[in-house]
Amino acid sequence: MHREGFARPEVKVQLAKFDVVRFSLLDDTDIVTPEGKQIPASEFARELNVSYTPSIVLFDASGREVFRIEAYLRPFHLAGSLDYVSSGAYASQPSFQRFLQATAERLRERGESVDLWK
């Protein structure tokens, strides 16, 4: 995911809209949670019930978890996941799949290529 997805310009644009904290499930370094609590990263992962890697947990501005990724995603889906949250679309479109379909249609209408596997 780091070599392929996070290296893509469209993913970097979306990532810039977030405060990002990356840690191992076994990491005991203290982090500050979205609620402002300082705890070891491993404890926070347990509180979130993160048991698979890679996992990405996305929070809204109030610190509420709004979307979770528990798998390796191809770049189109990774960028779409980040856009789904950063744009606030999750609040009005409860289906991530429909959000992605609409995104792909808009890109195609603009003449852009949409390749889900590259």
PDB file of N, CA and C in Angstrom:
ATOM      1  N   MET A   1       0.822  -1.186   0.000  1.00  0.00           N
ATOM      2  CA  MET A   1       0.000   0.000   0.000  1.00  0.00           C
ATOM      3  C   MET A   1       0.870   1.255   0.000  1.00  0.00           C
ATOM      4  N   HIS A   2       1.978   1.228   0.712  1.00  0.00           N
ATOM      5  CA  HIS A   2       2.853   2.405   0.744  1.00  0.00           C
ATOM      6  C   HIS A   2       3.576   2.594  -0.580  1.00  0.00           C
ATOM      7  N   ARG A   3       4.068   1.519  -1.138  1.00  0.00           N
ATOM      8  CA  ARG A   3       4.827   1.619  -2.387  1.00  0.00           C
ATOM      9  C   ARG A   3       3.909   1.977  -3.552  1.00  0.00           C
ATOM     10  N   GLU A   4       2.739   1.403  -3.596  1.00  0.00           N
ATOM     11  CA  GLU A   4       1.828   1.592  -4.732  1.00  0.00           C
ATOM     12  C   GLU A   4       0.814   2.713  -4.486  1.00  0.00           C
ATOM     13  N   GLY A   5      -0.005   2.575  -3.479  1.00  0.00           N
ATOM     14  CA  GLY A   5      -1.110   3.502  -3.261  1.00  0.00           C
ATOM     15  C   GLY A   5      -0.712   4.878  -2.766  1.00  0.00           C
ATOM     16  N   PHE A   6       0.046   4.930  -1.681  1.00  0.00           N
ATOM     17  CA  PHE A   6       0.398   6.217  -1.082  1.00  0.00           C
ATOM     18  C   PHE A   6       1.348   7.035  -1.959  1.00  0.00           C
ATOM     19  N   ALA A   7       1.941   6.411  -2.956  1.00  0.00           N
ATOM     20  CA  ALA A   7       2.845   7.120  -3.858  1.00  0.00           C
ATOM     21  C   ALA A   7       2.094   7.864  -4.964  1.00  0.00           C
ATOM     22  N   ARG A   8       0.829   7.551  -5.170  1.00  0.00           N
ATOM     23  CA  ARG A   8       0.044   8.153  -6.243  1.00  0.00           C
ATOM     24  C   ARG A   8      -0.354   9.591  -5.932  1.00  0.00           C
ATOM     25  N   PRO A   9      -0.282  10.474  -6.934  1.00  0.00           N
ATOM     26  CA  PRO A   9      -0.640  11.889  -6.714  1.00  0.00           C
ATOM     27  C   PRO A   9      -2.060  12.067  -6.182  1.00  0.00           C
ATOM     28  N   GLU A  10      -3.023  11.315  -6.719  1.00  0.00           N
ATOM     29  CA  GLU A  10      -4.416  11.467  -6.287  1.00  0.00           C
ATOM     30  C   GLU A  10      -4.616  11.042  -4.832  1.00  0.00           C
ATOM     31  N   VAL A  11      -3.815  10.095  -4.365  1.00  0.00           N
ATOM     32  CA  VAL A  11      -3.869   9.669  -2.966  1.00  0.00           C
ATOM     33  C   VAL A  11      -3.185  10.714  -2.085  1.00  0.00           C
ATOM     34  N   LYS A  12      -2.047  11.229  -2.543  1.00  0.00           N
ATOM     35  CA  LYS A  12      -1.331  12.262  -1.777  1.00  0.00           C
ATOM     36  C   LYS A  12      -2.197  13.501  -1.573  1.00  0.00           C
ATOM     37  N   VAL A  13      -2.958  13.886  -2.596  1.00  0.00           N
ATOM     38  CA  VAL A  13      -3.862  15.043  -2.480  1.00  0.00           C
ATOM     39  C   VAL A  13      -4.883  14.795  -1.375  1.00  0.00           C
ATOM     40  N   GLN A  14      -5.429  13.607  -1.336  1.00  0.00           N
ATOM     41  CA  GLN A  14      -6.432  13.286  -0.315  1.00  0.00           C
ATOM     42  C   GLN A  14      -5.787  13.167   1.075  1.00  0.00           C
ATOM     43  N   LEU A  15      -4.621  12.536   1.162  1.00  0.00           N
ATOM     44  CA  LEU A  15      -3.951  12.378   2.456  1.00  0.00           C
ATOM     45  C   LEU A  15      -3.626  13.719   3.108  1.00  0.00           C
ATOM     46  N   ALA A  16      -3.343  14.711   2.280  1.00  0.00           N
ATOM     47  CA  ALA A  16      -2.994  16.040   2.803  1.00  0.00           C
ATOM     48  C   ALA A  16      -4.162  16.658   3.586  1.00  0.00           C
ATOM     49  N   LYS A  17      -5.359  16.129   3.419  1.00  0.00           N
ATOM     50  CA  LYS A  17      -6.539  16.653   4.106  1.00  0.00           C
ATOM     51  C   LYS A  17      -6.726  16.052   5.499  1.00  0.00           C
ATOM     52  N   PHE A  18      -5.845  15.151   5.886  1.00  0.00           N
ATOM     53  CA  PHE A  18      -5.966  14.426   7.141  1.00  0.00           C
ATOM     54  C   PHE A  18      -4.749  14.639   8.038  1.00  0.00           C
ATOM     55  N   ASP A  19      -4.952  14.502   9.326  1.00  0.00           N
ATOM     56  CA  ASP A  19      -3.848  14.332  10.262  1.00  0.00           C
ATOM     57  C   ASP A  19      -3.614  12.826  10.302  1.00  0.00           C
ATOM     58  N   VAL A  20      -2.405  12.404  10.002  1.00  0.00           N
ATOM     59  CA  VAL A  20      -2.114  10.981   9.870  1.00  0.00           C
ATOM     60  C   VAL A  20      -1.201  10.527  10.996  1.00  0.00           C
ATOM     61  N   VAL A  21      -1.568   9.409  11.614  1.00  0.00           N
ATOM     62  CA  VAL A  21      -0.723   8.759  12.606  1.00  0.00           C
ATOM     63  C   VAL A  21      -0.589   7.303  12.165  1.00  0.00           C
ATOM     64  N   ARG A  22       0.641   6.863  12.011  1.00  0.00           N
ATOM     65  CA  ARG A  22       0.916   5.492  11.589  1.00  0.00           C
ATOM     66  C   ARG A  22       1.653   4.787  12.709  1.00  0.00           C
ATOM     67  N   PHE A  23       1.169   3.581  13.047  1.00  0.00           N
ATOM     68  CA  PHE A  23       1.840   2.831  14.097  1.00  0.00           C
ATOM     69  C   PHE A  23       1.589   1.344  13.953  1.00  0.00           C
ATOM     70  N   SER A  24       2.449   0.565  14.571  1.00  0.00           N
ATOM     71  CA  SER A  24       2.327  -0.884  14.633  1.00  0.00           C
ATOM     72  C   SER A  24       1.344  -1.248  15.738  1.00  0.00           C
ATOM     73  N   LEU A  25       0.692  -2.376  15.577  1.00  0.00           N
ATOM     74  CA  LEU A  25      -0.236  -2.848  16.614  1.00  0.00           C
ATOM     75  C   LEU A  25       0.485  -3.148  17.927  1.00  0.00           C
ATOM     76  N   LEU A  26       1.796  -3.314  17.875  1.00  0.00           N
ATOM     77  CA  LEU A  26       2.578  -3.617  19.070  1.00  0.00           C
ATOM     78  C   LEU A  26       3.340  -2.410  19.599  1.00  0.00           C
ATOM     79  N   ASP A  27       3.149  -1.259  19.000  1.00  0.00           N
ATOM     80  CA  ASP A  27       3.885  -0.043  19.345  1.00  0.00           C
ATOM     81  C   ASP A  27       3.397   0.526  20.678  1.00  0.00           C
ATOM     82  N   ASP A  28       4.312   0.727  21.609  1.00  0.00           N
ATOM     83  CA  ASP A  28       3.949   1.289  22.918  1.00  0.00           C
ATOM     84  C   ASP A  28       4.246   2.781  23.029  1.00  0.00           C
ATOM     85  N   THR A  29       4.599   3.403  21.897  1.00  0.00           N
ATOM     86  CA  THR A  29       4.795   4.853  21.881  1.00  0.00           C
ATOM     87  C   THR A  29       3.461   5.533  22.151  1.00  0.00           C
ATOM     88  N   ASP A  30       3.482   6.551  22.994  1.00  0.00           N
ATOM     89  CA  ASP A  30       2.249   7.293  23.265  1.00  0.00           C
ATOM     90  C   ASP A  30       1.832   8.101  22.045  1.00  0.00           C
ATOM     91  N   ILE A  31       0.524   8.088  21.787  1.00  0.00           N
ATOM     92  CA  ILE A  31      -0.066   8.916  20.748  1.00  0.00           C
ATOM     93  C   ILE A  31      -1.221   9.689  21.368  1.00  0.00           C
ATOM     94  N   VAL A  32      -1.678  10.701  20.664  1.00  0.00           N
ATOM     95  CA  VAL A  32      -2.850  11.450  21.100  1.00  0.00           C
ATOM     96  C   VAL A  32      -4.005  11.019  20.209  1.00  0.00           C
ATOM     97  N   THR A  33      -5.049  10.495  20.821  1.00  0.00           N
ATOM     98  CA  THR A  33      -6.209  10.011  20.081  1.00  0.00           C
ATOM     99  C   THR A  33      -7.025  11.186  19.548  1.00  0.00           C
ATOM    100  N   PRO A  34      -7.956  10.927  18.637  1.00  0.00           N
ATOM    101  CA  PRO A  34      -8.825  12.008  18.150  1.00  0.00           C
ATOM    102  C   PRO A  34      -9.628  12.684  19.268  1.00  0.00           C
ATOM    103  N   GLU A  35      -9.813  12.006  20.365  1.00  0.00           N
ATOM    104  CA  GLU A  35     -10.516  12.593  21.518  1.00  0.00           C
ATOM    105  C   GLU A  35      -9.584  13.392  22.412  1.00  0.00           C
ATOM    106  N   GLY A  36      -8.278  13.404  22.071  1.00  0.00           N
ATOM    107  CA  GLY A  36      -7.305  14.166  22.839  1.00  0.00           C
ATOM    108  C   GLY A  36      -6.669  13.417  23.993  1.00  0.00           C
ATOM    109  N   LYS A  37      -6.936  12.111  24.090  1.00  0.00           N
ATOM    110  CA  LYS A  37      -6.376  11.286  25.160  1.00  0.00           C
ATOM    111  C   LYS A  37      -5.001  10.771  24.744  1.00  0.00           C
ATOM    112  N   GLN A  38      -4.021  10.816  25.639  1.00  0.00           N
ATOM    113  CA  GLN A  38      -2.683  10.303  25.356  1.00  0.00           C
ATOM    114  C   GLN A  38      -2.569   8.892  25.908  1.00  0.00           C
ATOM    115  N   ILE A  39      -2.354   7.926  25.014  1.00  0.00           N
ATOM    116  CA  ILE A  39      -2.234   6.517  25.407  1.00  0.00           C
ATOM    117  C   ILE A  39      -1.245   5.821  24.479  1.00  0.00           C
ATOM    118  N   PRO A  40      -0.736   4.654  24.897  1.00  0.00           N
ATOM    119  CA  PRO A  40       0.129   3.886  24.000  1.00  0.00           C
ATOM    120  C   PRO A  40      -0.626   3.483  22.728  1.00  0.00           C
ATOM    121  N   ALA A  41       0.062   3.513  21.608  1.00  0.00           N
ATOM    122  CA  ALA A  41      -0.554   3.175  20.329  1.00  0.00           C
ATOM    123  C   ALA A  41      -1.188   1.784  20.359  1.00  0.00           C
ATOM    124  N   SER A  42      -0.519   0.821  20.987  1.00  0.00           N
ATOM    125  CA  SER A  42      -1.058  -0.542  21.045  1.00  0.00           C
ATOM    126  C   SER A  42      -2.385  -0.584  21.801  1.00  0.00           C
ATOM    127  N   GLU A  43      -2.509   0.225  22.838  1.00  0.00           N
ATOM    128  CA  GLU A  43      -3.767   0.281  23.594  1.00  0.00           C
ATOM    129  C   GLU A  43      -4.877   0.902  22.739  1.00  0.00           C
ATOM    130  N   PHE A  44      -4.542   1.948  22.005  1.00  0.00           N
ATOM    131  CA  PHE A  44      -5.523   2.579  21.130  1.00  0.00           C
ATOM    132  C   PHE A  44      -5.996   1.596  20.064  1.00  0.00           C
ATOM    133  N   ALA A  45      -5.065   0.826  19.496  1.00  0.00           N
ATOM    134  CA  ALA A  45      -5.433  -0.186  18.501  1.00  0.00           C
ATOM    135  C   ALA A  45      -6.393  -1.206  19.105  1.00  0.00           C
ATOM    136  N   ARG A  46      -6.151  -1.613  20.341  1.00  0.00           N
ATOM    137  CA  ARG A  46      -7.066  -2.552  21.016  1.00  0.00           C
ATOM    138  C   ARG A  46      -8.434  -1.916  21.231  1.00  0.00           C
ATOM    139  N   GLU A  47      -8.450  -0.655  21.660  1.00  0.00           N
ATOM    140  CA  GLU A  47      -9.721   0.046  21.865  1.00  0.00           C
ATOM    141  C   GLU A  47     -10.528   0.121  20.573  1.00  0.00           C
ATOM    142  N   LEU A  48      -9.829   0.258  19.457  1.00  0.00           N
ATOM    143  CA  LEU A  48     -10.499   0.334  18.155  1.00  0.00           C
ATOM    144  C   LEU A  48     -10.830  -1.046  17.581  1.00  0.00           C
ATOM    145  N   ASN A  49     -10.377  -2.090  18.254  1.00  0.00           N
ATOM    146  CA  ASN A  49     -10.548  -3.468  17.763  1.00  0.00           C
ATOM    147  C   ASN A  49      -9.877  -3.681  16.411  1.00  0.00           C
ATOM    148  N   VAL A  50      -8.703  -3.080  16.242  1.00  0.00           N
ATOM    149  CA  VAL A  50      -7.924  -3.302  15.038  1.00  0.00           C
ATOM    150  C   VAL A  50      -7.154  -4.598  15.230  1.00  0.00           C
ATOM    151  N   SER A  51      -7.425  -5.552  14.363  1.00  0.00           N
ATOM    152  CA  SER A  51      -6.744  -6.838  14.497  1.00  0.00           C
ATOM    153  C   SER A  51      -6.103  -7.277  13.194  1.00  0.00           C
ATOM    154  N   TYR A  52      -6.271  -6.489  12.145  1.00  0.00           N
ATOM    155  CA  TYR A  52      -5.737  -6.834  10.837  1.00  0.00           C
ATOM    156  C   TYR A  52      -4.884  -5.681  10.326  1.00  0.00           C
ATOM    157  N   THR A  53      -3.796  -6.028   9.640  1.00  0.00           N
ATOM    158  CA  THR A  53      -3.011  -4.986   8.990  1.00  0.00           C
ATOM    159  C   THR A  53      -2.872  -5.339   7.520  1.00  0.00           C
ATOM    160  N   PRO A  54      -2.955  -4.379   6.641  1.00  0.00           N
ATOM    161  CA  PRO A  54      -3.105  -2.959   6.948  1.00  0.00           C
ATOM    162  C   PRO A  54      -4.551  -2.600   7.280  1.00  0.00           C
ATOM    163  N   SER A  55      -4.703  -1.683   8.187  1.00  0.00           N
ATOM    164  CA  SER A  55      -6.003  -1.096   8.514  1.00  0.00           C
ATOM    165  C   SER A  55      -5.853   0.413   8.544  1.00  0.00           C
ATOM    166  N   ILE A  56      -6.885   1.089   8.100  1.00  0.00           N
ATOM    167  CA  ILE A  56      -6.947   2.548   8.158  1.00  0.00           C
ATOM    168  C   ILE A  56      -8.272   2.893   8.813  1.00  0.00           C
ATOM    169  N   VAL A  57      -8.211   3.681   9.865  1.00  0.00           N
ATOM    170  CA  VAL A  57      -9.421   4.111  10.555  1.00  0.00           C
ATOM    171  C   VAL A  57      -9.521   5.618  10.368  1.00  0.00           C
ATOM    172  N   LEU A  58     -10.630   6.058   9.799  1.00  0.00           N
ATOM    173  CA  LEU A  58     -10.823   7.471   9.484  1.00  0.00           C
ATOM    174  C   LEU A  58     -11.864   8.079  10.415  1.00  0.00           C
ATOM    175  N   PHE A  59     -11.536   9.252  10.918  1.00  0.00           N
ATOM    176  CA  PHE A  59     -12.388   9.944  11.876  1.00  0.00           C
ATOM    177  C   PHE A  59     -12.868  11.265  11.284  1.00  0.00           C
ATOM    178  N   ASP A  60     -14.027  11.726  11.741  1.00  0.00           N
ATOM    179  CA  ASP A  60     -14.473  13.054  11.334  1.00  0.00           C
ATOM    180  C   ASP A  60     -13.838  14.099  12.239  1.00  0.00           C
ATOM    181  N   ALA A  61     -14.161  15.348  12.016  1.00  0.00           N
ATOM    182  CA  ALA A  61     -13.534  16.445  12.760  1.00  0.00           C
ATOM    183  C   ALA A  61     -13.834  16.393  14.251  1.00  0.00           C
ATOM    184  N   SER A  62     -14.919  15.722  14.631  1.00  0.00           N
ATOM    185  CA  SER A  62     -15.257  15.631  16.053  1.00  0.00           C
ATOM    186  C   SER A  62     -14.599  14.428  16.734  1.00  0.00           C
ATOM    187  N   GLY A  63     -13.836  13.630  15.971  1.00  0.00           N
ATOM    188  CA  GLY A  63     -13.150  12.475  16.543  1.00  0.00           C
ATOM    189  C   GLY A  63     -13.948  11.192  16.498  1.00  0.00           C
ATOM    190  N   ARG A  64     -15.066  11.193  15.785  1.00  0.00           N
ATOM    191  CA  ARG A  64     -15.908   9.999  15.660  1.00  0.00           C
ATOM    192  C   ARG A  64     -15.447   9.174  14.459  1.00  0.00           C
ATOM    193  N   GLU A  65     -15.280   7.880  14.658  1.00  0.00           N
ATOM    194  CA  GLU A  65     -14.909   7.012  13.540  1.00  0.00           C
ATOM    195  C   GLU A  65     -16.053   6.989  12.534  1.00  0.00           C
ATOM    196  N   VAL A  66     -15.706   7.237  11.248  1.00  0.00           N
ATOM    197  CA  VAL A  66     -16.740   7.265  10.219  1.00  0.00           C
ATOM    198  C   VAL A  66     -16.503   6.256   9.095  1.00  0.00           C
ATOM    199  N   PHE A  67     -15.285   5.743   8.974  1.00  0.00           N
ATOM    200  CA  PHE A  67     -14.998   4.776   7.911  1.00  0.00           C
ATOM    201  C   PHE A  67     -13.751   3.996   8.285  1.00  0.00           C
ATOM    202  N   ARG A  68     -13.752   2.724   7.904  1.00  0.00           N
ATOM    203  CA  ARG A  68     -12.624   1.854   8.233  1.00  0.00           C
ATOM    204  C   ARG A  68     -12.277   1.002   7.021  1.00  0.00           C
ATOM    205  N   ILE A  69     -10.977   0.856   6.809  1.00  0.00           N
ATOM    206  CA  ILE A  69     -10.455   0.004   5.746  1.00  0.00           C
ATOM    207  C   ILE A  69      -9.634  -1.083   6.429  1.00  0.00           C
ATOM    208  N   GLU A  70      -9.986  -2.321   6.189  1.00  0.00           N
ATOM    209  CA  GLU A  70      -9.255  -3.437   6.803  1.00  0.00           C
ATOM    210  C   GLU A  70      -8.779  -4.398   5.718  1.00  0.00           C
ATOM    211  N   ALA A  71      -8.065  -3.826   4.771  1.00  0.00           N
ATOM    212  CA  ALA A  71      -7.556  -4.623   3.659  1.00  0.00           C
ATOM    213  C   ALA A  71      -6.605  -3.769   2.844  1.00  0.00           C
ATOM    214  N   TYR A  72      -5.896  -4.412   1.949  1.00  0.00           N
ATOM    215  CA  TYR A  72      -5.083  -3.688   0.979  1.00  0.00           C
ATOM    216  C   TYR A  72      -6.025  -3.219  -0.122  1.00  0.00           C
ATOM    217  N   LEU A  73      -5.984  -1.946  -0.452  1.00  0.00           N
ATOM    218  CA  LEU A  73      -6.813  -1.405  -1.525  1.00  0.00           C
ATOM    219  C   LEU A  73      -5.943  -0.940  -2.677  1.00  0.00           C
ATOM    220  N   ARG A  74      -6.454  -1.087  -3.878  1.00  0.00           N
ATOM    221  CA  ARG A  74      -5.799  -0.522  -5.052  1.00  0.00           C
ATOM    222  C   ARG A  74      -5.927   0.999  -4.963  1.00  0.00           C
ATOM    223  N   PRO A  75      -5.059   1.741  -5.673  1.00  0.00           N
ATOM    224  CA  PRO A  75      -5.024   3.197  -5.543  1.00  0.00           C
ATOM    225  C   PRO A  75      -6.359   3.905  -5.784  1.00  0.00           C
ATOM    226  N   PHE A  76      -7.155   3.483  -6.781  1.00  0.00           N
ATOM    227  CA  PHE A  76      -8.439   4.144  -7.035  1.00  0.00           C
ATOM    228  C   PHE A  76      -9.342   4.047  -5.811  1.00  0.00           C
ATOM    229  N   HIS A  77      -9.410   2.877  -5.211  1.00  0.00           N
ATOM    230  CA  HIS A  77     -10.264   2.675  -4.046  1.00  0.00           C
ATOM    231  C   HIS A  77      -9.708   3.380  -2.807  1.00  0.00           C
ATOM    232  N   LEU A  78      -8.387   3.410  -2.670  1.00  0.00           N
ATOM    233  CA  LEU A  78      -7.769   4.106  -1.555  1.00  0.00           C
ATOM    234  C   LEU A  78      -8.057   5.606  -1.637  1.00  0.00           C
ATOM    235  N   ALA A  79      -7.834   6.203  -2.806  1.00  0.00           N
ATOM    236  CA  ALA A  79      -8.128   7.628  -2.991  1.00  0.00           C
ATOM    237  C   ALA A  79      -9.617   7.887  -2.781  1.00  0.00           C
ATOM    238  N   GLY A  80     -10.455   6.997  -3.281  1.00  0.00           N
ATOM    239  CA  GLY A  80     -11.897   7.147  -3.120  1.00  0.00           C
ATOM    240  C   GLY A  80     -12.324   7.076  -1.665  1.00  0.00           C
ATOM    241  N   SER A  81     -11.700   6.204  -0.898  1.00  0.00           N
ATOM    242  CA  SER A  81     -12.016   6.083   0.534  1.00  0.00           C
ATOM    243  C   SER A  81     -11.698   7.376   1.273  1.00  0.00           C
ATOM    244  N   LEU A  82     -10.536   7.921   0.975  1.00  0.00           N
ATOM    245  CA  LEU A  82     -10.130   9.166   1.623  1.00  0.00           C
ATOM    246  C   LEU A  82     -11.033  10.322   1.195  1.00  0.00           C
ATOM    247  N   ASP A  83     -11.393  10.370  -0.080  1.00  0.00           N
ATOM    248  CA  ASP A  83     -12.299  11.405  -0.586  1.00  0.00           C
ATOM    249  C   ASP A  83     -13.689  11.264   0.027  1.00  0.00           C
ATOM    250  N   TYR A  84     -14.145  10.050   0.192  1.00  0.00           N
ATOM    251  CA  TYR A  84     -15.459   9.761   0.792  1.00  0.00           C
ATOM    252  C   TYR A  84     -15.579  10.416   2.165  1.00  0.00           C
ATOM    253  N   VAL A  85     -14.510  10.365   2.927  1.00  0.00           N
ATOM    254  CA  VAL A  85     -14.514  10.957   4.267  1.00  0.00           C
ATOM    255  C   VAL A  85     -14.200  12.453   4.210  1.00  0.00           C
ATOM    256  N   SER A  86     -13.148  12.840   3.496  1.00  0.00           N
ATOM    257  CA  SER A  86     -12.741  14.250   3.506  1.00  0.00           C
ATOM    258  C   SER A  86     -13.810  15.164   2.909  1.00  0.00           C
ATOM    259  N   SER A  87     -14.569  14.663   1.954  1.00  0.00           N
ATOM    260  CA  SER A  87     -15.619  15.468   1.327  1.00  0.00           C
ATOM    261  C   SER A  87     -16.895  15.504   2.168  1.00  0.00           C
ATOM    262  N   GLY A  88     -16.981  14.593   3.136  1.00  0.00           N
ATOM    263  CA  GLY A  88     -18.200  14.496   3.946  1.00  0.00           C
ATOM    264  C   GLY A  88     -19.296  13.687   3.274  1.00  0.00           C
ATOM    265  N   ALA A  89     -18.991  13.061   2.133  1.00  0.00           N
ATOM    266  CA  ALA A  89     -19.990  12.301   1.389  1.00  0.00           C
ATOM    267  C   ALA A  89     -20.581  11.151   2.198  1.00  0.00           C
ATOM    268  N   TYR A  90     -19.835  10.617   3.141  1.00  0.00           N
ATOM    269  CA  TYR A  90     -20.334   9.516   3.966  1.00  0.00           C
ATOM    270  C   TYR A  90     -21.615   9.899   4.711  1.00  0.00           C
ATOM    271  N   ALA A  91     -21.802  11.199   4.976  1.00  0.00           N
ATOM    272  CA  ALA A  91     -22.979  11.660   5.733  1.00  0.00           C
ATOM    273  C   ALA A  91     -24.244  11.641   4.874  1.00  0.00           C
ATOM    274  N   SER A  92     -24.104  11.825   3.563  1.00  0.00           N
ATOM    275  CA  SER A  92     -25.283  11.865   2.701  1.00  0.00           C
ATOM    276  C   SER A  92     -25.411  10.647   1.796  1.00  0.00           C
ATOM    277  N   GLN A  93     -24.329   9.922   1.588  1.00  0.00           N
ATOM    278  CA  GLN A  93     -24.355   8.722   0.746  1.00  0.00           C
ATOM    279  C   GLN A  93     -23.836   7.552   1.578  1.00  0.00           C
ATOM    280  N   PRO A  94     -24.759   6.775   2.159  1.00  0.00           N
ATOM    281  CA  PRO A  94     -24.321   5.686   3.036  1.00  0.00           C
ATOM    282  C   PRO A  94     -23.644   4.517   2.315  1.00  0.00           C
ATOM    283  N   SER A  95     -23.734   4.465   0.992  1.00  0.00           N
ATOM    284  CA  SER A  95     -23.121   3.378   0.234  1.00  0.00           C
ATOM    285  C   SER A  95     -21.800   3.841  -0.380  1.00  0.00           C
ATOM    286  N   PHE A  96     -20.711   3.335   0.145  1.00  0.00           N
ATOM    287  CA  PHE A  96     -19.395   3.665  -0.408  1.00  0.00           C
ATOM    288  C   PHE A  96     -19.301   3.223  -1.863  1.00  0.00           C
ATOM    289  N   GLN A  97     -19.856   2.071  -2.184  1.00  0.00           N
ATOM    290  CA  GLN A  97     -19.810   1.560  -3.559  1.00  0.00           C
ATOM    291  C   GLN A  97     -20.502   2.527  -4.523  1.00  0.00           C
ATOM    292  N   ARG A  98     -21.645   3.051  -4.127  1.00  0.00           N
ATOM    293  CA  ARG A  98     -22.345   4.019  -4.993  1.00  0.00           C
ATOM    294  C   ARG A  98     -21.528   5.301  -5.138  1.00  0.00           C
ATOM    295  N   PHE A  99     -20.893   5.726  -4.060  1.00  0.00           N
ATOM    296  CA  PHE A  99     -20.026   6.904  -4.117  1.00  0.00           C
ATOM    297  C   PHE A  99     -18.909   6.682  -5.134  1.00  0.00           C
ATOM    298  N   LEU A 100     -18.270   5.508  -5.087  1.00  0.00           N
ATOM    299  CA  LEU A 100     -17.187   5.199  -6.032  1.00  0.00           C
ATOM    300  C   LEU A 100     -17.687   5.137  -7.469  1.00  0.00           C
ATOM    301  N   GLN A 101     -18.856   4.551  -7.680  1.00  0.00           N
ATOM    302  CA  GLN A 101     -19.422   4.474  -9.021  1.00  0.00           C
ATOM    303  C   GLN A 101     -19.664   5.877  -9.586  1.00  0.00           C
ATOM    304  N   ALA A 102     -20.226   6.762  -8.757  1.00  0.00           N
ATOM    305  CA  ALA A 102     -20.471   8.142  -9.196  1.00  0.00           C
ATOM    306  C   ALA A 102     -19.158   8.864  -9.482  1.00  0.00           C
ATOM    307  N   THR A 103     -18.144   8.620  -8.672  1.00  0.00           N
ATOM    308  CA  THR A 103     -16.826   9.225  -8.891  1.00  0.00           C
ATOM    309  C   THR A 103     -16.252   8.758 -10.224  1.00  0.00           C
ATOM    310  N   ALA A 104     -16.313   7.464 -10.487  1.00  0.00           N
ATOM    311  CA  ALA A 104     -15.794   6.911 -11.741  1.00  0.00           C
ATOM    312  C   ALA A 104     -16.551   7.492 -12.938  1.00  0.00           C
ATOM    313  N   GLU A 105     -17.868   7.627 -12.822  1.00  0.00           N
ATOM    314  CA  GLU A 105     -18.659   8.204 -13.918  1.00  0.00           C
ATOM    315  C   GLU A 105     -18.245   9.645 -14.199  1.00  0.00           C
ATOM    316  N   ARG A 106     -18.037  10.444 -13.145  1.00  0.00           N
ATOM    317  CA  ARG A 106     -17.606  11.835 -13.328  1.00  0.00           C
ATOM    318  C   ARG A 106     -16.243  11.900 -14.031  1.00  0.00           C
ATOM    319  N   LEU A 107     -15.334  11.045 -13.624  1.00  0.00           N
ATOM    320  CA  LEU A 107     -14.008  11.028 -14.246  1.00  0.00           C
ATOM    321  C   LEU A 107     -14.108  10.655 -15.724  1.00  0.00           C
ATOM    322  N   ARG A 108     -14.909   9.660 -16.036  1.00  0.00           N
ATOM    323  CA  ARG A 108     -15.071   9.233 -17.436  1.00  0.00           C
ATOM    324  C   ARG A 108     -15.718  10.331 -18.268  1.00  0.00           C
ATOM    325  N   GLU A 109     -16.702  11.031 -17.694  1.00  0.00           N
ATOM    326  CA  GLU A 109     -17.352  12.134 -18.410  1.00  0.00           C
ATOM    327  C   GLU A 109     -16.355  13.238 -18.745  1.00  0.00           C
ATOM    328  N   ARG A 110     -15.339  13.405 -17.930  1.00  0.00           N
ATOM    329  CA  ARG A 110     -14.298  14.406 -18.180  1.00  0.00           C
ATOM    330  C   ARG A 110     -13.215  13.876 -19.121  1.00  0.00           C
ATOM    331  N   GLY A 111     -13.391  12.632 -19.570  1.00  0.00           N
ATOM    332  CA  GLY A 111     -12.431  12.049 -20.500  1.00  0.00           C
ATOM    333  C   GLY A 111     -11.252  11.381 -19.828  1.00  0.00           C
ATOM    334  N   GLU A 112     -11.317  11.237 -18.508  1.00  0.00           N
ATOM    335  CA  GLU A 112     -10.227  10.600 -17.783  1.00  0.00           C
ATOM    336  C   GLU A 112     -10.420   9.089 -17.751  1.00  0.00           C
ATOM    337  N   SER A 113      -9.333   8.379 -17.770  1.00  0.00           N
ATOM    338  CA  SER A 113      -9.361   6.919 -17.706  1.00  0.00           C
ATOM    339  C   SER A 113      -9.552   6.466 -16.264  1.00  0.00           C
ATOM    340  N   VAL A 114     -10.372   5.458 -16.082  1.00  0.00           N
ATOM    341  CA  VAL A 114     -10.576   4.874 -14.754  1.00  0.00           C
ATOM    342  C   VAL A 114     -10.190   3.411 -14.834  1.00  0.00           C
ATOM    343  N   ASP A 115      -9.087   3.062 -14.201  1.00  0.00           N
ATOM    344  CA  ASP A 115      -8.625   1.681 -14.164  1.00  0.00           C
ATOM    345  C   ASP A 115      -8.569   1.259 -12.708  1.00  0.00           C
ATOM    346  N   LEU A 116      -9.462   0.381 -12.335  1.00  0.00           N
ATOM    347  CA  LEU A 116      -9.568  -0.047 -10.944  1.00  0.00           C
ATOM    348  C   LEU A 116      -8.403  -0.903 -10.480  1.00  0.00           C
ATOM    349  N   TRP A 117      -7.631  -1.445 -11.416  1.00  0.00           N
ATOM    350  CA  TRP A 117      -6.579  -2.385 -11.037  1.00  0.00           C
ATOM    351  C   TRP A 117      -5.177  -1.812 -11.119  1.00  0.00           C
ATOM    352  N   LYS A 118      -5.035  -0.597 -11.621  1.00  0.00           N
ATOM    353  CA  LYS A 118      -3.694  -0.008 -11.742  1.00  0.00           C
ATOM    354  C   LYS A 118      -3.508   1.114 -10.772  1.00  0.00           C
TER     355      LYS A 118
END
